[in-house]
């Protein structure tokens, strides 16, 4: 997954839309907040031929508008939008309009 690291700089306001494919549709969820930290983090899962033989995930920590801090595991179905410039803020998306793009799926 290609990520522009400038979007994920600490203090940047973003909107993250995550999708889960289903047999007859897509489950989508969206959250907005301020980036606290972006990193690749090791999991407890074993995965051969990777660093320390562990599975590594892209993790994004954000502070929601309610003040809650949440950690998101990013994958190729995650969409990140930069909301830091109010003149460039895209309109909120209707989750039913978002479709999965499997063309780049491994």
PDB file of N, CA and C in Angstrom:
ATOM      1  N   UNK A   1       0.848  -1.166   0.000  1.00  0.00           N
ATOM      2  CA  UNK A   1       0.000   0.000   0.000  1.00  0.00           C
ATOM      3  C   UNK A   1       0.893   1.228   0.000  1.00  0.00           C
ATOM      4  N   UNK A   2       0.711   2.088  -0.980  1.00  0.00           N
ATOM      5  CA  UNK A   2       1.490   3.320  -1.048  1.00  0.00           C
ATOM      6  C   UNK A   2       0.799   4.396  -0.225  1.00  0.00           C
ATOM      7  N   UNK A   3       1.544   4.978   0.694  1.00  0.00           N
ATOM      8  CA  UNK A   3       0.989   6.019   1.557  1.00  0.00           C
ATOM      9  C   UNK A   3       1.878   7.248   1.460  1.00  0.00           C
ATOM     10  N   UNK A   4       1.251   8.395   1.248  1.00  0.00           N
ATOM     11  CA  UNK A   4       2.015   9.637   1.258  1.00  0.00           C
ATOM     12  C   UNK A   4       2.272   9.998   2.709  1.00  0.00           C
ATOM     13  N   UNK A   5       3.529   9.997   3.110  1.00  0.00           N
ATOM     14  CA  UNK A   5       3.846  10.216   4.511  1.00  0.00           C
ATOM     15  C   UNK A   5       3.531  11.628   4.980  1.00  0.00           C
ATOM     16  N   UNK A   6       3.420  12.603   4.062  1.00  0.00           N
ATOM     17  CA  UNK A   6       3.078  13.955   4.490  1.00  0.00           C
ATOM     18  C   UNK A   6       1.659  14.009   5.042  1.00  0.00           C
ATOM     19  N   UNK A   7       0.760  13.196   4.521  1.00  0.00           N
ATOM     20  CA  UNK A   7      -0.603  13.140   5.048  1.00  0.00           C
ATOM     21  C   UNK A   7      -0.590  12.589   6.467  1.00  0.00           C
ATOM     22  N   UNK A   8       0.337  11.698   6.743  1.00  0.00           N
ATOM     23  CA  UNK A   8       0.354  11.030   8.036  1.00  0.00           C
ATOM     24  C   UNK A   8       1.283  11.694   9.043  1.00  0.00           C
ATOM     25  N   UNK A   9       1.703  12.928   8.773  1.00  0.00           N
ATOM     26  CA  UNK A   9       2.502  13.657   9.745  1.00  0.00           C
ATOM     27  C   UNK A   9       1.663  13.971  10.972  1.00  0.00           C
ATOM     28  N   UNK A  10       2.307  13.983  12.120  1.00  0.00           N
ATOM     29  CA  UNK A  10       1.620  14.277  13.372  1.00  0.00           C
ATOM     30  C   UNK A  10       0.934  15.639  13.281  1.00  0.00           C
ATOM     31  N   UNK A  11      -0.327  15.683  13.716  1.00  0.00           N
ATOM     32  CA  UNK A  11      -1.086  16.930  13.718  1.00  0.00           C
ATOM     33  C   UNK A  11      -1.936  17.159  12.491  1.00  0.00           C
ATOM     34  N   UNK A  12      -1.810  16.320  11.471  1.00  0.00           N
ATOM     35  CA  UNK A  12      -2.605  16.469  10.253  1.00  0.00           C
ATOM     36  C   UNK A  12      -4.018  15.951  10.495  1.00  0.00           C
ATOM     37  N   UNK A  13      -5.020  16.711  10.048  1.00  0.00           N
ATOM     38  CA  UNK A  13      -6.410  16.262  10.168  1.00  0.00           C
ATOM     39  C   UNK A  13      -6.727  15.386   8.947  1.00  0.00           C
ATOM     40  N   UNK A  14      -7.276  14.189   9.207  1.00  0.00           N
ATOM     41  CA  UNK A  14      -7.564  13.234   8.132  1.00  0.00           C
ATOM     42  C   UNK A  14      -8.933  12.596   8.309  1.00  0.00           C
ATOM     43  N   UNK A  15      -9.403  11.994   7.226  1.00  0.00           N
ATOM     44  CA  UNK A  15     -10.595  11.139   7.244  1.00  0.00           C
ATOM     45  C   UNK A  15     -10.154   9.779   6.727  1.00  0.00           C
ATOM     46  N   UNK A  16     -10.451   8.726   7.485  1.00  0.00           N
ATOM     47  CA  UNK A  16     -10.088   7.367   7.083  1.00  0.00           C
ATOM     48  C   UNK A  16     -11.374   6.582   6.845  1.00  0.00           C
ATOM     49  N   UNK A  17     -11.484   6.008   5.662  1.00  0.00           N
ATOM     50  CA  UNK A  17     -12.604   5.131   5.334  1.00  0.00           C
ATOM     51  C   UNK A  17     -12.046   3.730   5.179  1.00  0.00           C
ATOM     52  N   UNK A  18     -12.583   2.800   5.966  1.00  0.00           N
ATOM     53  CA  UNK A  18     -12.151   1.404   5.882  1.00  0.00           C
ATOM     54  C   UNK A  18     -13.308   0.560   5.392  1.00  0.00           C
ATOM     55  N   UNK A  19     -12.978  -0.461   4.596  1.00  0.00           N
ATOM     56  CA  UNK A  19     -13.988  -1.300   3.975  1.00  0.00           C
ATOM     57  C   UNK A  19     -13.696  -2.774   4.223  1.00  0.00           C
ATOM     58  N   UNK A  20     -14.762  -3.535   4.393  1.00  0.00           N
ATOM     59  CA  UNK A  20     -14.645  -4.984   4.555  1.00  0.00           C
ATOM     60  C   UNK A  20     -15.520  -5.625   3.484  1.00  0.00           C
ATOM     61  N   UNK A  21     -14.914  -6.393   2.566  1.00  0.00           N
ATOM     62  CA  UNK A  21     -15.712  -7.011   1.511  1.00  0.00           C
ATOM     63  C   UNK A  21     -16.620  -8.107   2.064  1.00  0.00           C
ATOM     64  N   UNK A  22     -17.822  -8.145   1.551  1.00  0.00           N
ATOM     65  CA  UNK A  22     -18.797  -9.163   1.895  1.00  0.00           C
ATOM     66  C   UNK A  22     -19.241  -9.850   0.611  1.00  0.00           C
ATOM     67  N   UNK A  23     -19.953 -10.935   0.730  1.00  0.00           N
ATOM     68  CA  UNK A  23     -20.421 -11.658  -0.455  1.00  0.00           C
ATOM     69  C   UNK A  23     -21.306 -10.784  -1.331  1.00  0.00           C
ATOM     70  N   UNK A  24     -22.229 -10.068  -0.715  1.00  0.00           N
ATOM     71  CA  UNK A  24     -23.189  -9.258  -1.483  1.00  0.00           C
ATOM     72  C   UNK A  24     -23.056  -7.769  -1.213  1.00  0.00           C
ATOM     73  N   UNK A  25     -21.872  -7.283  -0.961  1.00  0.00           N
ATOM     74  CA  UNK A  25     -21.715  -5.858  -0.720  1.00  0.00           C
ATOM     75  C   UNK A  25     -20.443  -5.550   0.043  1.00  0.00           C
ATOM     76  N   UNK A  26     -20.465  -4.391   0.677  1.00  0.00           N
ATOM     77  CA  UNK A  26     -19.292  -3.899   1.391  1.00  0.00           C
ATOM     78  C   UNK A  26     -19.736  -3.277   2.704  1.00  0.00           C
ATOM     79  N   UNK A  27     -19.023  -3.577   3.783  1.00  0.00           N
ATOM     80  CA  UNK A  27     -19.220  -2.858   5.039  1.00  0.00           C
ATOM     81  C   UNK A  27     -18.203  -1.730   5.058  1.00  0.00           C
ATOM     82  N   UNK A  28     -18.665  -0.517   5.296  1.00  0.00           N
ATOM     83  CA  UNK A  28     -17.767   0.637   5.335  1.00  0.00           C
ATOM     84  C   UNK A  28     -17.937   1.398   6.635  1.00  0.00           C
ATOM     85  N   UNK A  29     -16.842   1.970   7.103  1.00  0.00           N
ATOM     86  CA  UNK A  29     -16.883   2.845   8.260  1.00  0.00           C
ATOM     87  C   UNK A  29     -15.908   3.986   8.028  1.00  0.00           C
ATOM     88  N   UNK A  30     -16.259   5.154   8.533  1.00  0.00           N
ATOM     89  CA  UNK A  30     -15.438   6.338   8.342  1.00  0.00           C
ATOM     90  C   UNK A  30     -15.225   7.028   9.673  1.00  0.00           C
ATOM     91  N   UNK A  31     -14.015   7.521   9.898  1.00  0.00           N
ATOM     92  CA  UNK A  31     -13.740   8.322  11.086  1.00  0.00           C
ATOM     93  C   UNK A  31     -12.805   9.460  10.712  1.00  0.00           C
ATOM     94  N   UNK A  32     -12.930  10.566  11.449  1.00  0.00           N
ATOM     95  CA  UNK A  32     -12.101  11.741  11.223  1.00  0.00           C
ATOM     96  C   UNK A  32     -11.382  12.104  12.501  1.00  0.00           C
ATOM     97  N   UNK A  33     -10.167  12.595  12.353  1.00  0.00           N
ATOM     98  CA  UNK A  33      -9.426  12.998  13.531  1.00  0.00           C
ATOM     99  C   UNK A  33      -8.056  13.547  13.179  1.00  0.00           C
ATOM    100  N   UNK A  34      -7.253  13.750  14.223  1.00  0.00           N
ATOM    101  CA  UNK A  34      -5.907  14.293  14.108  1.00  0.00           C
ATOM    102  C   UNK A  34      -4.900  13.154  14.259  1.00  0.00           C
ATOM    103  N   UNK A  35      -3.923  13.092  13.358  1.00  0.00           N
ATOM    104  CA  UNK A  35      -2.912  12.040  13.398  1.00  0.00           C
ATOM    105  C   UNK A  35      -2.024  12.227  14.632  1.00  0.00           C
ATOM    106  N   UNK A  36      -1.898  11.178  15.421  1.00  0.00           N
ATOM    107  CA  UNK A  36      -0.967  11.165  16.548  1.00  0.00           C
ATOM    108  C   UNK A  36       0.316  10.434  16.179  1.00  0.00           C
ATOM    109  N   UNK A  37       0.164   9.301  15.466  1.00  0.00           N
ATOM    110  CA  UNK A  37       1.348   8.513  15.109  1.00  0.00           C
ATOM    111  C   UNK A  37       0.989   7.528  13.996  1.00  0.00           C
ATOM    112  N   UNK A  38       1.925   7.346  13.070  1.00  0.00           N
ATOM    113  CA  UNK A  38       1.821   6.307  12.052  1.00  0.00           C
ATOM    114  C   UNK A  38       3.073   5.450  12.163  1.00  0.00           C
ATOM    115  N   UNK A  39       2.894   4.132  12.144  1.00  0.00           N
ATOM    116  CA  UNK A  39       4.049   3.240  12.246  1.00  0.00           C
ATOM    117  C   UNK A  39       3.686   1.870  11.700  1.00  0.00           C
ATOM    118  N   UNK A  40       4.719   1.085  11.432  1.00  0.00           N
ATOM    119  CA  UNK A  40       4.525  -0.328  11.154  1.00  0.00           C
ATOM    120  C   UNK A  40       4.831  -1.060  12.447  1.00  0.00           C
ATOM    121  N   UNK A  41       3.873  -1.842  12.912  1.00  0.00           N
ATOM    122  CA  UNK A  41       4.016  -2.498  14.206  1.00  0.00           C
ATOM    123  C   UNK A  41       3.966  -4.015  14.058  1.00  0.00           C
ATOM    124  N   UNK A  42       4.773  -4.655  14.853  1.00  0.00           N
ATOM    125  CA  UNK A  42       4.848  -6.113  14.875  1.00  0.00           C
ATOM    126  C   UNK A  42       3.613  -6.667  15.578  1.00  0.00           C
ATOM    127  N   UNK A  43       3.102  -7.782  15.091  1.00  0.00           N
ATOM    128  CA  UNK A  43       1.989  -8.458  15.753  1.00  0.00           C
ATOM    129  C   UNK A  43       2.514  -9.725  16.414  1.00  0.00           C
ATOM    130  N   UNK A  44       1.647 -10.430  17.091  1.00  0.00           N
ATOM    131  CA  UNK A  44       2.031 -11.691  17.701  1.00  0.00           C
ATOM    132  C   UNK A  44       1.959 -12.852  16.723  1.00  0.00           C
ATOM    133  N   UNK A  45       1.449 -12.584  15.515  1.00  0.00           N
ATOM    134  CA  UNK A  45       1.292 -13.633  14.518  1.00  0.00           C
ATOM    135  C   UNK A  45       2.623 -13.971  13.859  1.00  0.00           C
ATOM    136  N   UNK A  46       2.834 -15.244  13.633  1.00  0.00           N
ATOM    137  CA  UNK A  46       4.048 -15.716  12.974  1.00  0.00           C
ATOM    138  C   UNK A  46       3.863 -15.594  11.474  1.00  0.00           C
ATOM    139  N   UNK A  47       4.914 -15.109  10.779  1.00  0.00           N
ATOM    140  CA  UNK A  47       4.878 -14.985   9.334  1.00  0.00           C
ATOM    141  C   UNK A  47       6.285 -15.217   8.814  1.00  0.00           C
ATOM    142  N   UNK A  48       6.475 -16.292   8.096  1.00  0.00           N
ATOM    143  CA  UNK A  48       7.810 -16.669   7.628  1.00  0.00           C
ATOM    144  C   UNK A  48       8.403 -15.634   6.689  1.00  0.00           C
ATOM    145  N   UNK A  49       9.702 -15.479   6.772  1.00  0.00           N
ATOM    146  CA  UNK A  49      10.506 -14.643   5.877  1.00  0.00           C
ATOM    147  C   UNK A  49      10.260 -13.144   6.027  1.00  0.00           C
ATOM    148  N   UNK A  50       9.690 -12.724   7.121  1.00  0.00           N
ATOM    149  CA  UNK A  50       9.586 -11.286   7.365  1.00  0.00           C
ATOM    150  C   UNK A  50      10.451 -10.957   8.579  1.00  0.00           C
ATOM    151  N   UNK A  51      10.580  -9.691   8.885  1.00  0.00           N
ATOM    152  CA  UNK A  51      11.432  -9.261   9.981  1.00  0.00           C
ATOM    153  C   UNK A  51      11.016  -9.956  11.279  1.00  0.00           C
ATOM    154  N   UNK A  52      11.954 -10.612  11.926  1.00  0.00           N
ATOM    155  CA  UNK A  52      11.731 -11.359  13.174  1.00  0.00           C
ATOM    156  C   UNK A  52      10.684 -12.460  13.026  1.00  0.00           C
ATOM    157  N   UNK A  53      10.425 -12.905  11.790  1.00  0.00           N
ATOM    158  CA  UNK A  53       9.409 -13.936  11.518  1.00  0.00           C
ATOM    159  C   UNK A  53       8.047 -13.570  12.090  1.00  0.00           C
ATOM    160  N   UNK A  54       7.712 -12.306  12.054  1.00  0.00           N
ATOM    161  CA  UNK A  54       6.420 -11.826  12.560  1.00  0.00           C
ATOM    162  C   UNK A  54       5.674 -11.074  11.462  1.00  0.00           C
ATOM    163  N   UNK A  55       4.370 -11.002  11.613  1.00  0.00           N
ATOM    164  CA  UNK A  55       3.538 -10.224  10.707  1.00  0.00           C
ATOM    165  C   UNK A  55       3.557  -8.767  11.161  1.00  0.00           C
ATOM    166  N   UNK A  56       3.788  -7.859  10.231  1.00  0.00           N
ATOM    167  CA  UNK A  56       3.843  -6.427  10.533  1.00  0.00           C
ATOM    168  C   UNK A  56       2.661  -5.741   9.861  1.00  0.00           C
ATOM    169  N   UNK A  57       2.010  -4.832  10.584  1.00  0.00           N
ATOM    170  CA  UNK A  57       0.854  -4.111  10.058  1.00  0.00           C
ATOM    171  C   UNK A  57       1.094  -2.608  10.096  1.00  0.00           C
ATOM    172  N   UNK A  58       0.498  -1.906   9.126  1.00  0.00           N
ATOM    173  CA  UNK A  58       0.514  -0.444   9.149  1.00  0.00           C
ATOM    174  C   UNK A  58      -0.521  -0.001  10.172  1.00  0.00           C
ATOM    175  N   UNK A  59      -0.083   0.748  11.166  1.00  0.00           N
ATOM    176  CA  UNK A  59      -0.994   1.200  12.226  1.00  0.00           C
ATOM    177  C   UNK A  59      -1.000   2.710  12.300  1.00  0.00           C
ATOM    178  N   UNK A  60      -2.190   3.259  12.421  1.00  0.00           N
ATOM    179  CA  UNK A  60      -2.390   4.697  12.472  1.00  0.00           C
ATOM    180  C   UNK A  60      -3.155   5.030  13.744  1.00  0.00           C
ATOM    181  N   UNK A  61      -2.574   5.879  14.585  1.00  0.00           N
ATOM    182  CA  UNK A  61      -3.248   6.318  15.806  1.00  0.00           C
ATOM    183  C   UNK A  61      -3.764   7.722  15.574  1.00  0.00           C
ATOM    184  N   UNK A  62      -5.077   7.924  15.832  1.00  0.00           N
ATOM    185  CA  UNK A  62      -5.665   9.245  15.666  1.00  0.00           C
ATOM    186  C   UNK A  62      -6.494   9.620  16.891  1.00  0.00           C
ATOM    187  N   UNK A  63      -6.641  10.933  17.097  1.00  0.00           N
ATOM    188  CA  UNK A  63      -7.520  11.449  18.151  1.00  0.00           C
ATOM    189  C   UNK A  63      -8.790  11.931  17.461  1.00  0.00           C
ATOM    190  N   UNK A  64      -9.914  11.276  17.796  1.00  0.00           N
ATOM    191  CA  UNK A  64     -11.193  11.640  17.214  1.00  0.00           C
ATOM    192  C   UNK A  64     -11.675  12.973  17.791  1.00  0.00           C
ATOM    193  N   UNK A  65     -12.686  13.549  17.174  1.00  0.00           N
ATOM    194  CA  UNK A  65     -13.224  14.828  17.639  1.00  0.00           C
ATOM    195  C   UNK A  65     -13.760  14.738  19.062  1.00  0.00           C
ATOM    196  N   UNK A  66     -14.187  13.548  19.475  1.00  0.00           N
ATOM    197  CA  UNK A  66     -14.700  13.342  20.832  1.00  0.00           C
ATOM    198  C   UNK A  66     -13.582  13.283  21.874  1.00  0.00           C
ATOM    199  N   UNK A  67     -12.327  13.246  21.412  1.00  0.00           N
ATOM    200  CA  UNK A  67     -11.182  13.142  22.314  1.00  0.00           C
ATOM    201  C   UNK A  67     -10.676  11.715  22.459  1.00  0.00           C
ATOM    202  N   UNK A  68     -11.441  10.763  21.962  1.00  0.00           N
ATOM    203  CA  UNK A  68     -11.046   9.350  22.023  1.00  0.00           C
ATOM    204  C   UNK A  68      -9.836   9.112  21.131  1.00  0.00           C
ATOM    205  N   UNK A  69      -8.905   8.301  21.611  1.00  0.00           N
ATOM    206  CA  UNK A  69      -7.745   7.903  20.817  1.00  0.00           C
ATOM    207  C   UNK A  69      -7.993   6.495  20.308  1.00  0.00           C
ATOM    208  N   UNK A  70      -7.831   6.319  18.994  1.00  0.00           N
ATOM    209  CA  UNK A  70      -8.088   5.015  18.399  1.00  0.00           C
ATOM    210  C   UNK A  70      -6.927   4.612  17.497  1.00  0.00           C
ATOM    211  N   UNK A  71      -6.707   3.309  17.374  1.00  0.00           N
ATOM    212  CA  UNK A  71      -5.675   2.757  16.506  1.00  0.00           C
ATOM    213  C   UNK A  71      -6.351   2.035  15.355  1.00  0.00           C
ATOM    214  N   UNK A  72      -5.979   2.389  14.141  1.00  0.00           N
ATOM    215  CA  UNK A  72      -6.536   1.759  12.949  1.00  0.00           C
ATOM    216  C   UNK A  72      -5.466   0.911  12.282  1.00  0.00           C
ATOM    217  N   UNK A  73      -5.815  -0.314  11.917  1.00  0.00           N
ATOM    218  CA  UNK A  73      -4.934  -1.166  11.117  1.00  0.00           C
ATOM    219  C   UNK A  73      -5.273  -0.901   9.658  1.00  0.00           C
ATOM    220  N   UNK A  74      -4.310  -0.394   8.904  1.00  0.00           N
ATOM    221  CA  UNK A  74      -4.547  -0.026   7.517  1.00  0.00           C
ATOM    222  C   UNK A  74      -4.246  -1.183   6.579  1.00  0.00           C
ATOM    223  N   UNK A  75      -5.040  -1.295   5.526  1.00  0.00           N
ATOM    224  CA  UNK A  75      -4.799  -2.293   4.490  1.00  0.00           C
ATOM    225  C   UNK A  75      -5.118  -1.673   3.136  1.00  0.00           C
ATOM    226  N   UNK A  76      -5.163  -2.471   2.088  1.00  0.00           N
ATOM    227  CA  UNK A  76      -5.386  -1.922   0.751  1.00  0.00           C
ATOM    228  C   UNK A  76      -6.831  -1.478   0.534  1.00  0.00           C
ATOM    229  N   UNK A  77      -7.725  -1.743   1.465  1.00  0.00           N
ATOM    230  CA  UNK A  77      -9.098  -1.249   1.402  1.00  0.00           C
ATOM    231  C   UNK A  77      -9.267   0.055   2.186  1.00  0.00           C
ATOM    232  N   UNK A  78      -8.225   0.544   2.830  1.00  0.00           N
ATOM    233  CA  UNK A  78      -8.289   1.781   3.607  1.00  0.00           C
ATOM    234  C   UNK A  78      -8.039   2.976   2.690  1.00  0.00           C
ATOM    235  N   UNK A  79      -8.857   3.998   2.866  1.00  0.00           N
ATOM    236  CA  UNK A  79      -8.716   5.211   2.068  1.00  0.00           C
ATOM    237  C   UNK A  79      -8.503   6.375   3.029  1.00  0.00           C
ATOM    238  N   UNK A  80      -7.437   7.161   2.806  1.00  0.00           N
ATOM    239  CA  UNK A  80      -7.090   8.266   3.691  1.00  0.00           C
ATOM    240  C   UNK A  80      -7.199   9.566   2.912  1.00  0.00           C
ATOM    241  N   UNK A  81      -7.948  10.525   3.474  1.00  0.00           N
ATOM    242  CA  UNK A  81      -8.116  11.828   2.850  1.00  0.00           C
ATOM    243  C   UNK A  81      -7.560  12.905   3.773  1.00  0.00           C
ATOM    244  N   UNK A  82      -6.837  13.844   3.200  1.00  0.00           N
ATOM    245  CA  UNK A  82      -6.265  14.953   3.952  1.00  0.00           C
ATOM    246  C   UNK A  82      -7.319  16.040   4.133  1.00  0.00           C
ATOM    247  N   UNK A  83      -7.636  16.386   5.390  1.00  0.00           N
ATOM    248  CA  UNK A  83      -8.617  17.419   5.681  1.00  0.00           C
ATOM    249  C   UNK A  83      -7.974  18.654   6.306  1.00  0.00           C
ATOM    250  N   UNK A  84      -6.664  18.743   6.252  1.00  0.00           N
ATOM    251  CA  UNK A  84      -5.963  19.816   6.952  1.00  0.00           C
ATOM    252  C   UNK A  84      -6.184  21.192   6.323  1.00  0.00           C
ATOM    253  N   UNK A  85      -6.428  21.269   5.017  1.00  0.00           N
ATOM    254  CA  UNK A  85      -6.680  22.543   4.356  1.00  0.00           C
ATOM    255  C   UNK A  85      -8.183  22.676   4.124  1.00  0.00           C
ATOM    256  N   UNK A  86      -8.866  23.555   4.874  1.00  0.00           N
ATOM    257  CA  UNK A  86     -10.325  23.645   4.771  1.00  0.00           C
ATOM    258  C   UNK A  86     -10.827  24.000   3.381  1.00  0.00           C
ATOM    259  N   UNK A  87     -10.007  24.666   2.559  1.00  0.00           N
ATOM    260  CA  UNK A  87     -10.456  24.996   1.207  1.00  0.00           C
ATOM    261  C   UNK A  87     -10.425  23.773   0.299  1.00  0.00           C
ATOM    262  N   UNK A  88      -9.707  22.721   0.700  1.00  0.00           N
ATOM    263  CA  UNK A  88      -9.585  21.509  -0.109  1.00  0.00           C
ATOM    264  C   UNK A  88     -10.332  20.321   0.500  1.00  0.00           C
ATOM    265  N   UNK A  89     -11.102  20.538   1.568  1.00  0.00           N
ATOM    266  CA  UNK A  89     -11.774  19.434   2.251  1.00  0.00           C
ATOM    267  C   UNK A  89     -12.847  18.818   1.362  1.00  0.00           C
ATOM    268  N   UNK A  90     -12.737  17.518   1.070  1.00  0.00           N
ATOM    269  CA  UNK A  90     -13.762  16.862   0.256  1.00  0.00           C
ATOM    270  C   UNK A  90     -15.049  16.685   1.061  1.00  0.00           C
ATOM    271  N   UNK A  91     -16.152  16.615   0.372  1.00  0.00           N
ATOM    272  CA  UNK A  91     -17.443  16.394   1.032  1.00  0.00           C
ATOM    273  C   UNK A  91     -17.470  15.005   1.661  1.00  0.00           C
ATOM    274  N   UNK A  92     -18.222  14.822   2.761  1.00  0.00           N
ATOM    275  CA  UNK A  92     -18.335  13.483   3.361  1.00  0.00           C
ATOM    276  C   UNK A  92     -18.875  12.495   2.341  1.00  0.00           C
ATOM    277  N   UNK A  93     -18.378  11.278   2.425  1.00  0.00           N
ATOM    278  CA  UNK A  93     -18.795  10.245   1.478  1.00  0.00           C
ATOM    279  C   UNK A  93     -19.951   9.439   2.043  1.00  0.00           C
ATOM    280  N   UNK A  94     -20.805   9.004   1.160  1.00  0.00           N
ATOM    281  CA  UNK A  94     -21.847   8.070   1.526  1.00  0.00           C
ATOM    282  C   UNK A  94     -21.230   6.681   1.406  1.00  0.00           C
ATOM    283  N   UNK A  95     -21.179   5.899   2.512  1.00  0.00           N
ATOM    284  CA  UNK A  95     -20.514   4.585   2.453  1.00  0.00           C
ATOM    285  C   UNK A  95     -21.038   3.671   1.357  1.00  0.00           C
ATOM    286  N   UNK A  96     -22.302   3.864   0.928  1.00  0.00           N
ATOM    287  CA  UNK A  96     -22.835   2.991  -0.111  1.00  0.00           C
ATOM    288  C   UNK A  96     -22.262   3.346  -1.482  1.00  0.00           C
ATOM    289  N   UNK A  97     -21.647   4.536  -1.619  1.00  0.00           N
ATOM    290  CA  UNK A  97     -21.072   4.932  -2.895  1.00  0.00           C
ATOM    291  C   UNK A  97     -19.636   4.450  -3.064  1.00  0.00           C
ATOM    292  N   UNK A  98     -19.033   3.980  -1.977  1.00  0.00           N
ATOM    293  CA  UNK A  98     -17.648   3.526  -2.042  1.00  0.00           C
ATOM    294  C   UNK A  98     -17.628   2.075  -2.485  1.00  0.00           C
ATOM    295  N   UNK A  99     -16.832   1.798  -3.480  1.00  0.00           N
ATOM    296  CA  UNK A  99     -16.744   0.437  -3.977  1.00  0.00           C
ATOM    297  C   UNK A  99     -15.329  -0.080  -3.804  1.00  0.00           C
ATOM    298  N   UNK A 100     -15.221  -1.358  -3.606  1.00  0.00           N
ATOM    299  CA  UNK A 100     -13.907  -1.988  -3.482  1.00  0.00           C
ATOM    300  C   UNK A 100     -13.211  -2.016  -4.832  1.00  0.00           C
ATOM    301  N   UNK A 101     -11.934  -1.820  -4.792  1.00  0.00           N
ATOM    302  CA  UNK A 101     -11.132  -1.870  -6.012  1.00  0.00           C
ATOM    303  C   UNK A 101     -10.176  -3.049  -5.869  1.00  0.00           C
ATOM    304  N   UNK A 102     -10.516  -4.172  -6.478  1.00  0.00           N
ATOM    305  CA  UNK A 102      -9.706  -5.387  -6.364  1.00  0.00           C
ATOM    306  C   UNK A 102      -8.652  -5.491  -7.453  1.00  0.00           C
ATOM    307  N   UNK A 103      -8.479  -4.473  -8.275  1.00  0.00           N
ATOM    308  CA  UNK A 103      -7.505  -4.573  -9.364  1.00  0.00           C
ATOM    309  C   UNK A 103      -6.085  -4.719  -8.846  1.00  0.00           C
ATOM    310  N   UNK A 104      -5.788  -4.146  -7.673  1.00  0.00           N
ATOM    311  CA  UNK A 104      -4.425  -4.175  -7.139  1.00  0.00           C
ATOM    312  C   UNK A 104      -4.280  -5.198  -6.019  1.00  0.00           C
ATOM    313  N   UNK A 105      -5.255  -6.033  -5.877  1.00  0.00           N
ATOM    314  CA  UNK A 105      -5.239  -7.016  -4.798  1.00  0.00           C
ATOM    315  C   UNK A 105      -4.210  -8.098  -5.082  1.00  0.00           C
ATOM    316  N   UNK A 106      -3.420  -8.479  -4.077  1.00  0.00           N
ATOM    317  CA  UNK A 106      -2.394  -9.519  -4.319  1.00  0.00           C
ATOM    318  C   UNK A 106      -3.016 -10.868  -4.621  1.00  0.00           C
TER     319      UNK A 106
END
